[in-house]
Amino acid sequence: QVHLVESGGGMVHVEGSLRLSCAASVSTFSNYNMGWFRQAPGKEREFVASINKSGTGTNYADSVKGRFTISRDNAKNTVYLQMDYLRSADTAIYYCAAVFARPFSSTSYVAPVRDDLYDYWGQGTQVTVSS
């Protein structure tokens, strides 16, 4: 079982920055691919960014490319989402997700972008961008 706890959300003005963190309680964090997703009011949950278990491969939604950066520190069991040049449209609850990178599978070295491929989820942290 993997327990995920997000932090770092809050309220920020347009073009401001926030850094989200997600701490994982698992002894083999380096075996897990990690993702960030978000859900705005009245909308479905959507992919934001993902990073593979070693941190060598990342994926981003087109809407956040060039503005958000996902990273991880396997020694601290933590994944981060640096969000710069925030827009009102980025307002949402942000969720951290994890999935074990099974050997000899399509996700061995590539972190998924589909939310149904993730097994563990955090409670979410609210990000509000005001104009």
Protein backbone atom coordinates (compact mmCIF):
# COMPACT_ATOMS: atom_id res chain seq x y z
CA GLN A 1 0.00 0.00 0.00
CA VAL A 2 1.18 3.51 -0.82
CA HIS A 3 -0.01 6.56 1.09
CA LEU A 4 0.34 9.89 -0.72
CA VAL A 5 0.07 13.32 0.87
CA GLU A 6 0.06 16.49 -1.22
CA SER A 7 1.00 19.92 0.06
CA GLY A 8 1.84 23.36 -1.25
CA GLY A 9 -1.49 24.42 -2.66
CA GLY A 10 -3.00 27.82 -2.02
CA MET A 11 -4.15 31.02 -3.63
CA VAL A 12 -1.95 32.94 -6.03
CA HIS A 13 -2.39 35.73 -8.56
CA VAL A 14 -2.25 35.23 -12.31
CA GLU A 15 1.35 34.73 -13.53
CA GLY A 16 2.37 33.74 -10.04
CA SER A 17 4.07 30.49 -9.00
CA LEU A 18 3.44 27.60 -6.66
CA ARG A 19 5.34 24.42 -5.89
CA LEU A 20 3.35 21.35 -5.01
CA SER A 21 4.88 18.43 -3.16
CA CYS A 22 3.70 14.87 -2.79
CA ALA A 23 5.23 12.71 -0.08
CA ALA A 24 4.91 8.95 -0.44
CA SER A 25 5.00 6.51 2.43
CA VAL A 26 6.58 3.50 0.74
CA SER A 27 10.01 1.97 1.13
CA THR A 28 10.52 1.41 -2.60
CA PHE A 29 9.52 4.80 -3.97
CA SER A 30 12.07 4.50 -6.76
CA ASN A 31 10.01 1.62 -8.22
CA TYR A 32 6.94 3.80 -8.76
CA ASN A 33 5.97 6.00 -11.67
CA MET A 34 4.30 9.19 -10.48
CA GLY A 35 1.73 11.54 -11.93
CA TRP A 36 -0.10 14.79 -11.23
CA PHE A 37 -3.72 15.24 -12.22
CA ARG A 38 -6.22 18.01 -11.57
CA GLN A 39 -9.95 18.47 -11.41
CA ALA A 40 -11.67 21.81 -11.80
CA PRO A 41 -15.25 22.41 -10.59
CA GLY A 42 -17.75 20.82 -12.94
CA LYS A 43 -15.04 19.19 -15.05
CA GLU A 44 -13.53 15.74 -15.30
CA ARG A 45 -10.15 14.93 -13.85
CA GLU A 46 -7.36 15.61 -16.35
CA PHE A 47 -3.72 14.71 -16.73
CA VAL A 48 -1.14 17.36 -15.88
CA ALA A 49 2.29 15.72 -15.79
CA SER A 50 4.02 12.43 -15.08
CA ILE A 51 7.53 11.21 -14.35
CA ASN A 52 9.03 7.76 -14.55
CA LYS A 53 10.56 5.93 -11.62
CA SER A 54 14.11 7.10 -12.28
CA GLY A 55 13.17 10.68 -13.11
CA THR A 56 14.65 10.41 -16.59
CA GLY A 57 11.36 10.61 -18.48
CA THR A 58 8.53 13.12 -18.19
CA ASN A 59 5.23 13.85 -19.91
CA TYR A 60 3.16 17.02 -19.85
CA ALA A 61 -0.30 18.06 -20.92
CA ASP A 62 -0.16 20.57 -23.78
CA SER A 63 -1.89 23.15 -21.59
CA VAL A 64 0.99 23.23 -19.09
CA LYS A 65 4.05 22.63 -21.29
CA GLY A 66 6.66 25.30 -20.77
CA ARG A 67 5.02 26.50 -17.54
CA PHE A 68 5.01 23.44 -15.23
CA THR A 69 7.91 21.19 -14.28
CA ILE A 70 7.63 17.79 -12.63
CA SER A 71 10.55 16.37 -10.70
CA ARG A 72 11.26 13.85 -8.00
CA ASP A 73 13.70 13.15 -5.20
CA ASN A 74 13.82 9.42 -4.61
CA ALA A 75 15.93 9.87 -1.49
CA LYS A 76 13.09 11.92 0.03
CA ASN A 77 10.22 9.83 -1.39
CA THR A 78 8.80 13.02 -2.86
CA VAL A 79 7.56 14.23 -6.24
CA TYR A 80 7.18 17.91 -7.04
CA LEU A 81 5.22 20.05 -9.44
CA GLN A 82 6.67 23.51 -10.02
CA MET A 83 3.97 25.71 -11.50
CA ASP A 84 4.95 29.02 -13.06
CA TYR A 85 3.00 31.64 -15.02
CA LEU A 86 -0.21 30.37 -13.52
CA ARG A 87 -3.50 31.15 -15.23
CA SER A 88 -7.06 31.29 -13.98
CA ALA A 89 -7.70 28.09 -15.95
CA ASP A 90 -5.19 26.28 -13.71
CA THR A 91 -7.56 26.62 -10.74
CA ALA A 92 -8.37 23.09 -9.59
CA ILE A 93 -7.75 20.44 -7.00
CA TYR A 94 -4.42 18.83 -7.78
CA TYR A 95 -3.91 15.13 -7.11
CA CYS A 96 -0.77 13.08 -6.89
CA ALA A 97 -0.88 9.48 -8.13
CA ALA A 98 1.43 6.47 -8.11
CA VAL A 99 1.71 3.18 -9.94
CA PHE A 100 4.27 0.42 -9.53
CA ALA A 101 6.51 0.19 -12.59
CA ARG A 102 6.06 -3.48 -13.41
CA PRO A 103 9.00 -5.10 -15.20
CA PHE A 104 8.48 -6.01 -18.85
CA SER A 105 5.37 -3.88 -19.12
CA SER A 106 4.55 -0.75 -21.11
CA THR A 107 4.96 1.30 -17.96
CA SER A 108 8.34 -0.14 -16.93
CA TYR A 109 10.12 3.03 -17.99
CA VAL A 110 7.31 5.36 -19.08
CA ALA A 111 4.96 7.03 -16.62
CA PRO A 112 1.33 6.78 -17.76
CA VAL A 113 -0.80 9.75 -18.75
CA ARG A 114 -4.13 7.92 -18.22
CA ASP A 115 -5.57 8.20 -14.75
CA ASP A 116 -7.04 4.68 -14.84
CA LEU A 117 -3.53 3.24 -14.95
CA TYR A 118 -2.65 4.63 -11.53
CA ASP A 119 -3.32 2.59 -8.41
CA TYR A 120 -2.78 5.05 -5.57
CA TRP A 121 -4.06 8.59 -5.08
CA GLY A 122 -3.60 11.38 -2.61
CA GLN A 123 -6.39 13.47 -1.09
CA GLY A 124 -5.60 16.48 -3.27
CA THR A 125 -4.57 20.07 -2.66
CA GLN A 126 -6.48 23.13 -3.80
CA VAL A 127 -4.85 25.61 -6.16
CA THR A 128 -6.71 28.84 -6.81
CA VAL A 129 -5.42 31.40 -9.31
CA SER A 130 -7.06 34.80 -9.06
CA SER A 131 -6.98 37.57 -11.65
